[in-house]
Amino acid sequence: MCTVCGCGAGEVKIEGGAHEHTHVVADGTVYTHSHGHERDHHHHEHAVGGDLDYGTGPARAHVPGMSQARMVQIEQDILSKNNTYANANRAWFDERGIFALNLVSSPGSGKTTLLCKTIELLKDKVAINVVEGDQQTANDAERIRATGVPAIQINTGKGCHLDGHMVGHAMQRLQPKDESLFLIENVGNLVCPAAFDLGEHHKVAILSVTEGEDKPLKYPDMFAAADVMLLNKCDLLPYLEFDADLAEANARRVNPDLTIFRVSASSGDGMRAWLDWIEAGLEAQRGKHGESVDALKARIAELERQLAAK
């Protein structure tokens, strides 16, 4: 849990908005304020010997001076609050027939390039809005805006992931059209984003062939949380010692229901299947939206009949 371990200490900047700063100290108190701070970190010394695993307790994390029970409580409190925001985001999307995706990966997997290619191929068919998450700079949002679609940058400072509250603010600023596509590019990190629901309909994990085939086994929570995995940069396979079949098998060991597409943003190979999946999701959301609108119209008509009969 990143806020417990301290990496959440830093300012959050949403383009055009105020800064927020949240951290948790050893007694579990959560502070949110507007100024920065630095906390010293001390490390225990361990004898050389076997492996060290700090993720085996109930909290699956380790903070000196804090019990596992207290850490579990803090994690539950943080995630519960986040889930409230995420559920509100999802309801907002559903009311408008918007299809929302949360793209997650390690840094350097090619998320932004893949996102730009996806936008290029879809923007004439559907309205698209993008939220970009990075610790610093607006570089990725500028790349997205260069494709001609609206994008807003969220800088998380020392934080390592987006959360439901941040995305909710971005949604309100972007005001996406009904029955549109809403794409969230999370901070490059395969750990903490797995635990934080943003209100998306699906998490999409991106693994590039320049990474290891065992990445899904090393970071199982992310691949377990994802519904889709994009195996990216497949145009490089002839030049690498990377076993794509093994990578997919490892991912399915973690998540047997994972949908996997092999793609290359550079060459365009495999993009059609990925786009078809997105378009199917858009159509499903539009169908639900249409049903909701029809139900509302029917309810209004019924009320009008009841009033006319009085």
Protein backbone atom coordinates (compact mmCIF):
# COMPACT_ATOMS: atom_id res chain seq x y z
CA MET A 1 0.00 0.00 0.00
CA CYS A 2 1.85 3.05 -1.24
CA THR A 3 0.41 5.63 1.12
CA VAL A 4 1.40 3.46 4.07
CA CYS A 5 4.94 2.96 2.80
CA GLY A 6 5.34 6.69 2.31
CA CYS A 7 5.60 7.03 -1.45
CA GLY A 8 2.35 8.96 -1.45
CA ALA A 9 4.09 11.92 0.20
CA GLY A 10 4.01 14.73 -2.31
CA GLU A 11 1.87 17.26 -4.12
CA VAL A 12 -0.83 16.23 -6.57
CA LYS A 13 -1.22 18.68 -9.45
CA ILE A 14 -4.12 18.54 -11.89
CA GLU A 15 -3.68 20.93 -14.79
CA GLY A 16 -5.45 24.17 -13.98
CA GLY A 17 -6.23 23.19 -10.39
CA ALA A 18 -5.00 23.35 -6.80
CA HIS A 19 -2.36 21.11 -5.22
CA GLU A 20 -3.17 18.39 -2.72
CA HIS A 21 -0.79 16.62 -0.38
CA THR A 22 -1.55 13.47 1.62
CA HIS A 23 0.59 11.32 3.86
CA VAL A 24 0.24 8.76 6.63
CA VAL A 25 2.51 8.79 9.68
CA ALA A 26 3.43 5.83 11.86
CA ASP A 27 0.43 6.12 14.17
CA GLY A 28 -1.88 5.79 11.19
CA THR A 29 -3.06 9.39 11.05
CA VAL A 30 -3.84 10.60 7.52
CA TYR A 31 -3.00 14.22 6.74
CA THR A 32 -4.01 16.18 3.64
CA HIS A 33 -2.57 19.66 3.22
CA SER A 34 -1.09 22.01 0.67
CA HIS A 35 2.61 22.20 1.48
CA GLY A 36 5.49 19.79 0.90
CA HIS A 37 7.59 18.05 3.51
CA GLU A 38 10.40 15.57 3.89
CA ARG A 39 10.54 12.64 6.24
CA ASP A 40 13.67 10.73 7.10
CA HIS A 41 13.72 7.02 6.30
CA HIS A 42 15.69 4.57 8.39
CA HIS A 43 16.45 1.01 7.39
CA HIS A 44 17.13 -2.02 9.54
CA GLU A 45 20.35 -3.91 8.94
CA HIS A 46 19.91 -7.59 8.15
CA ALA A 47 22.44 -10.39 8.19
CA VAL A 48 23.34 -11.88 4.83
CA GLY A 49 21.52 -15.17 4.42
CA GLY A 50 18.17 -16.22 2.98
CA ASP A 51 15.62 -14.22 1.03
CA LEU A 52 13.81 -11.34 2.71
CA ASP A 53 10.04 -11.17 2.26
CA TYR A 54 8.15 -8.30 3.87
CA GLY A 55 4.93 -9.07 2.01
CA THR A 56 3.83 -12.18 3.88
CA GLY A 57 1.95 -10.61 6.81
CA PRO A 58 -1.75 -9.71 6.76
CA ALA A 59 -0.98 -6.24 5.38
CA ARG A 60 1.49 -7.66 2.85
CA ALA A 61 3.80 -4.74 3.65
CA HIS A 62 6.28 -3.70 6.34
CA VAL A 63 6.69 -0.43 8.21
CA PRO A 64 9.02 -0.30 11.22
CA GLY A 65 7.17 0.47 14.44
CA MET A 66 3.71 -0.32 13.09
CA SER A 67 1.81 -3.54 13.74
CA GLN A 68 0.40 -5.57 10.87
CA ALA A 69 -3.09 -5.17 12.35
CA ARG A 70 -2.79 -1.38 12.32
CA MET A 71 -1.47 -1.42 8.76
CA VAL A 72 -4.40 -3.56 7.63
CA GLN A 73 -6.82 -1.08 9.19
CA ILE A 74 -5.12 1.87 7.47
CA GLU A 75 -5.16 0.08 4.13
CA GLN A 76 -8.84 -0.75 4.52
CA ASP A 77 -9.68 2.86 5.39
CA ILE A 78 -7.75 4.22 2.40
CA LEU A 79 -9.20 1.74 -0.07
CA SER A 80 -12.73 2.19 1.27
CA LYS A 81 -12.56 5.94 0.73
CA ASN A 82 -11.06 5.45 -2.73
CA ASN A 83 -13.77 2.95 -3.66
CA THR A 84 -16.44 5.50 -2.77
CA TYR A 85 -14.95 7.92 -5.29
CA ALA A 86 -14.42 5.17 -7.87
CA ASN A 87 -18.01 3.93 -7.61
CA ALA A 88 -19.26 7.49 -8.10
CA ASN A 89 -17.04 7.83 -11.18
CA ARG A 90 -18.35 4.57 -12.63
CA ALA A 91 -21.96 5.56 -12.01
CA TRP A 92 -21.28 8.88 -13.77
CA PHE A 93 -19.81 7.04 -16.76
CA ASP A 94 -22.70 4.56 -16.87
CA GLU A 95 -25.34 7.29 -16.74
CA ARG A 96 -23.80 8.75 -19.89
CA GLY A 97 -22.91 5.55 -21.75
CA ILE A 98 -19.18 6.31 -21.54
CA PHE A 99 -16.68 3.43 -21.82
CA ALA A 100 -13.69 3.93 -19.49
CA LEU A 101 -10.37 2.06 -19.56
CA ASN A 102 -7.43 2.24 -17.13
CA LEU A 103 -4.10 1.48 -18.86
CA VAL A 104 -1.38 0.23 -16.51
CA SER A 105 2.19 -0.97 -17.04
CA SER A 106 5.83 -0.58 -16.13
CA PRO A 107 7.58 2.59 -17.32
CA GLY A 108 8.79 2.22 -20.90
CA SER A 109 6.26 -0.38 -22.03
CA GLY A 110 5.04 1.91 -24.79
CA LYS A 111 1.73 2.95 -23.18
CA THR A 112 1.67 6.48 -24.57
CA THR A 113 2.72 5.47 -28.09
CA LEU A 114 0.09 2.72 -28.06
CA LEU A 115 -2.48 5.20 -26.79
CA CYS A 116 -1.64 7.66 -29.56
CA LYS A 117 -1.99 4.91 -32.18
CA THR A 118 -5.32 3.80 -30.71
CA ILE A 119 -6.60 7.38 -30.76
CA GLU A 120 -5.41 7.89 -34.34
CA LEU A 121 -7.40 4.85 -35.48
CA LEU A 122 -10.58 5.59 -33.49
CA LYS A 123 -10.96 9.36 -33.21
CA ASP A 124 -13.03 9.65 -36.40
CA LYS A 125 -15.52 7.10 -35.03
CA VAL A 126 -15.94 8.15 -31.40
CA ALA A 127 -15.26 11.14 -29.16
CA ILE A 128 -12.24 10.45 -26.94
CA ASN A 129 -10.95 12.06 -23.73
CA VAL A 130 -7.70 11.14 -21.97
CA VAL A 131 -6.32 11.48 -18.46
CA GLU A 132 -2.54 11.21 -18.18
CA GLY A 133 -0.86 10.27 -14.89
CA ASP A 134 2.83 10.95 -14.22
CA GLN A 135 4.84 12.06 -11.24
CA GLN A 136 6.05 15.16 -13.09
CA THR A 137 5.78 17.00 -16.45
CA ALA A 138 2.89 17.33 -18.88
CA ASN A 139 4.85 15.67 -21.70
CA ASP A 140 2.43 12.80 -22.25
CA ALA A 141 -0.68 14.99 -22.16
CA GLU A 142 0.94 17.22 -24.77
CA ARG A 143 1.57 14.18 -26.98
CA ILE A 144 -2.07 13.17 -26.63
CA ARG A 145 -3.37 16.67 -27.35
CA ALA A 146 -1.24 16.69 -30.51
CA THR A 147 -3.51 13.90 -31.83
CA GLY A 148 -6.45 16.31 -31.65
CA VAL A 149 -8.29 14.95 -28.61
CA PRO A 150 -8.74 16.60 -25.19
CA ALA A 151 -6.35 15.45 -22.47
CA ILE A 152 -5.56 16.54 -18.94
CA GLN A 153 -2.35 15.82 -17.03
CA ILE A 154 -2.33 14.77 -13.38
CA ASN A 155 1.07 15.03 -11.68
CA THR A 156 1.16 12.87 -8.56
CA GLY A 157 4.44 14.22 -7.14
CA LYS A 158 5.94 11.44 -5.04
CA GLY A 159 2.77 9.39 -5.38
CA CYS A 160 2.99 6.29 -7.55
CA HIS A 161 -0.57 5.93 -8.83
CA LEU A 162 -3.78 7.75 -9.67
CA ASP A 163 -6.82 7.40 -7.42
CA GLY A 164 -10.56 7.79 -7.77
CA HIS A 165 -10.61 11.31 -6.34
CA MET A 166 -8.02 12.62 -8.80
CA VAL A 167 -9.79 11.06 -11.77
CA GLY A 168 -13.13 12.46 -10.62
CA HIS A 169 -11.72 15.98 -10.75
CA ALA A 170 -10.28 15.32 -14.22
CA MET A 171 -13.63 14.00 -15.46
CA GLN A 172 -15.42 17.14 -14.31
CA ARG A 173 -12.88 19.33 -16.11
CA LEU A 174 -12.95 17.33 -19.33
CA GLN A 175 -16.75 16.86 -19.42
CA PRO A 176 -16.67 13.97 -21.92
CA LYS A 177 -19.58 13.56 -24.31
CA ASP A 178 -22.22 10.89 -23.82
CA GLU A 179 -21.36 7.50 -25.37
CA SER A 180 -17.69 8.42 -25.73
CA LEU A 181 -14.38 6.69 -24.90
CA PHE A 182 -12.51 7.73 -21.75
CA LEU A 183 -8.90 6.55 -21.53
CA ILE A 184 -6.78 6.78 -18.38
CA GLU A 185 -3.03 6.26 -18.64
CA ASN A 186 -1.91 5.49 -15.09
CA VAL A 187 1.50 6.21 -13.61
CA GLY A 188 4.09 3.67 -14.81
CA ASN A 189 4.03 1.15 -11.96
CA LEU A 190 2.90 -2.48 -11.68
CA VAL A 191 2.34 -2.44 -7.90
CA CYS A 192 0.08 0.18 -6.32
CA PRO A 193 -2.27 0.89 -9.27
CA ALA A 194 -3.50 -2.70 -8.97
CA ALA A 195 -5.26 -1.88 -5.70
CA PHE A 196 -6.84 1.43 -6.68
CA ASP A 197 -10.10 1.36 -8.61
CA LEU A 198 -10.56 4.56 -10.61
CA GLY A 199 -14.11 3.87 -11.75
CA GLU A 200 -12.98 2.28 -15.02
CA HIS A 201 -14.82 -0.59 -16.64
CA HIS A 202 -11.62 -2.52 -17.31
CA LYS A 203 -7.96 -2.42 -16.36
CA VAL A 204 -5.70 -3.04 -19.35
CA ALA A 205 -2.19 -4.23 -18.47
CA ILE A 206 0.52 -3.59 -21.06
CA LEU A 207 3.60 -5.82 -21.16
CA SER A 208 6.28 -5.15 -23.76
CA VAL A 209 8.48 -7.82 -25.31
CA THR A 210 11.52 -5.91 -24.06
CA GLU A 211 10.56 -6.96 -20.53
CA GLY A 212 10.81 -10.44 -19.04
CA GLU A 213 8.38 -13.29 -19.70
CA ASP A 214 8.07 -13.74 -15.92
CA LYS A 215 6.81 -10.20 -15.27
CA PRO A 216 3.23 -11.44 -14.61
CA LEU A 217 4.59 -13.84 -11.98
CA LYS A 218 6.68 -11.13 -10.31
CA TYR A 219 3.78 -8.66 -10.20
CA PRO A 220 0.74 -10.95 -9.98
CA ASP A 221 -1.69 -8.48 -8.39
CA MET A 222 -1.73 -6.26 -11.45
CA PHE A 223 -2.30 -9.06 -13.93
CA ALA A 224 -4.93 -10.58 -11.64
CA ALA A 225 -6.75 -7.23 -11.52
CA ALA A 226 -6.62 -6.70 -15.30
CA ASP A 227 -9.20 -7.94 -17.77
CA VAL A 228 -6.97 -7.44 -20.80
CA MET A 229 -3.24 -7.74 -21.45
CA LEU A 230 -1.62 -6.12 -24.46
CA LEU A 231 1.68 -7.74 -25.41
CA ASN A 232 3.27 -4.69 -27.01
CA LYS A 233 6.23 -4.03 -29.33
CA CYS A 234 5.72 -7.40 -31.03
CA ASP A 235 7.47 -6.06 -34.13
CA LEU A 236 10.71 -6.53 -32.15
CA LEU A 237 10.19 -10.25 -31.51
CA PRO A 238 12.50 -11.39 -34.37
CA TYR A 239 15.37 -9.51 -32.73
CA LEU A 240 14.87 -10.56 -29.10
CA GLU A 241 15.17 -13.68 -27.02
CA PHE A 242 11.63 -13.35 -25.73
CA ASP A 243 9.17 -16.25 -25.60
CA ALA A 244 5.76 -14.67 -26.23
CA ASP A 245 3.93 -17.95 -25.65
CA LEU A 246 5.60 -18.33 -22.25
CA ALA A 247 4.73 -14.73 -21.32
CA GLU A 248 1.09 -15.38 -22.15
CA ALA A 249 1.11 -18.68 -20.26
CA ASN A 250 2.56 -16.96 -17.18
CA ALA A 251 -0.11 -14.28 -17.36
CA ARG A 252 -2.83 -16.91 -17.55
CA ARG A 253 -1.33 -18.75 -14.57
CA VAL A 254 -2.15 -15.60 -12.61
CA ASN A 255 -5.43 -14.85 -14.39
CA PRO A 256 -6.96 -17.65 -16.50
CA ASP A 257 -9.69 -15.31 -17.78
CA LEU A 258 -7.28 -12.70 -19.16
CA THR A 259 -7.93 -11.58 -22.74
CA ILE A 260 -4.59 -11.12 -24.53
CA PHE A 261 -3.76 -9.25 -27.72
CA ARG A 262 -0.35 -9.16 -29.39
CA VAL A 263 0.14 -5.68 -30.81
CA SER A 264 2.68 -3.27 -32.21
CA ALA A 265 1.94 0.44 -32.06
CA SER A 266 4.82 1.06 -34.49
CA SER A 267 3.83 -1.35 -37.26
CA GLY A 268 0.11 -1.52 -36.49
CA ASP A 269 0.18 -5.32 -36.32
CA GLY A 270 -2.55 -6.74 -34.09
CA MET A 271 -4.25 -3.39 -33.58
CA ARG A 272 -7.44 -4.44 -35.36
CA ALA A 273 -8.33 -7.03 -32.71
CA TRP A 274 -7.64 -4.53 -29.92
CA LEU A 275 -9.81 -1.90 -31.61
CA ASP A 276 -12.61 -4.43 -32.17
CA TRP A 277 -12.58 -5.17 -28.44
CA ILE A 278 -12.85 -1.46 -27.61
CA GLU A 279 -15.66 -0.96 -30.11
CA ALA A 280 -17.57 -3.90 -28.61
CA GLY A 281 -17.23 -2.30 -25.17
CA LEU A 282 -18.44 1.03 -26.53
CA GLU A 283 -21.46 -0.64 -28.10
CA ALA A 284 -22.32 -2.42 -24.85
CA GLN A 285 -22.16 0.85 -22.90
CA ARG A 286 -24.31 2.59 -25.50
CA GLY A 287 -26.85 -0.21 -25.24
CA LYS A 288 -27.07 0.18 -21.47
CA HIS A 289 -27.36 3.95 -21.86
CA GLY A 290 -30.16 3.56 -24.39
CA GLU A 291 -32.02 1.19 -22.09
CA SER A 292 -31.69 3.67 -19.22
CA VAL A 293 -32.99 6.53 -21.35
CA ASP A 294 -35.88 4.41 -22.65
CA ALA A 295 -36.77 3.35 -19.11
CA LEU A 296 -36.76 6.97 -17.97
CA LYS A 297 -38.97 8.00 -20.88
CA ALA A 298 -41.38 5.17 -20.10
CA ARG A 299 -41.51 6.23 -16.46
CA ILE A 300 -42.22 9.85 -17.42
CA ALA A 301 -44.98 8.73 -19.80
CA GLU A 302 -46.53 6.60 -17.06
CA LEU A 303 -46.49 9.50 -14.60
CA GLU A 304 -48.09 11.75 -17.22
CA ARG A 305 -50.85 9.18 -17.76
CA GLN A 306 -51.45 8.95 -14.01
CA LEU A 307 -51.66 12.73 -13.71
CA ALA A 308 -54.03 12.97 -16.68
CA ALA A 309 -56.33 10.36 -15.12
CA LYS A 310 -56.77 12.38 -11.92
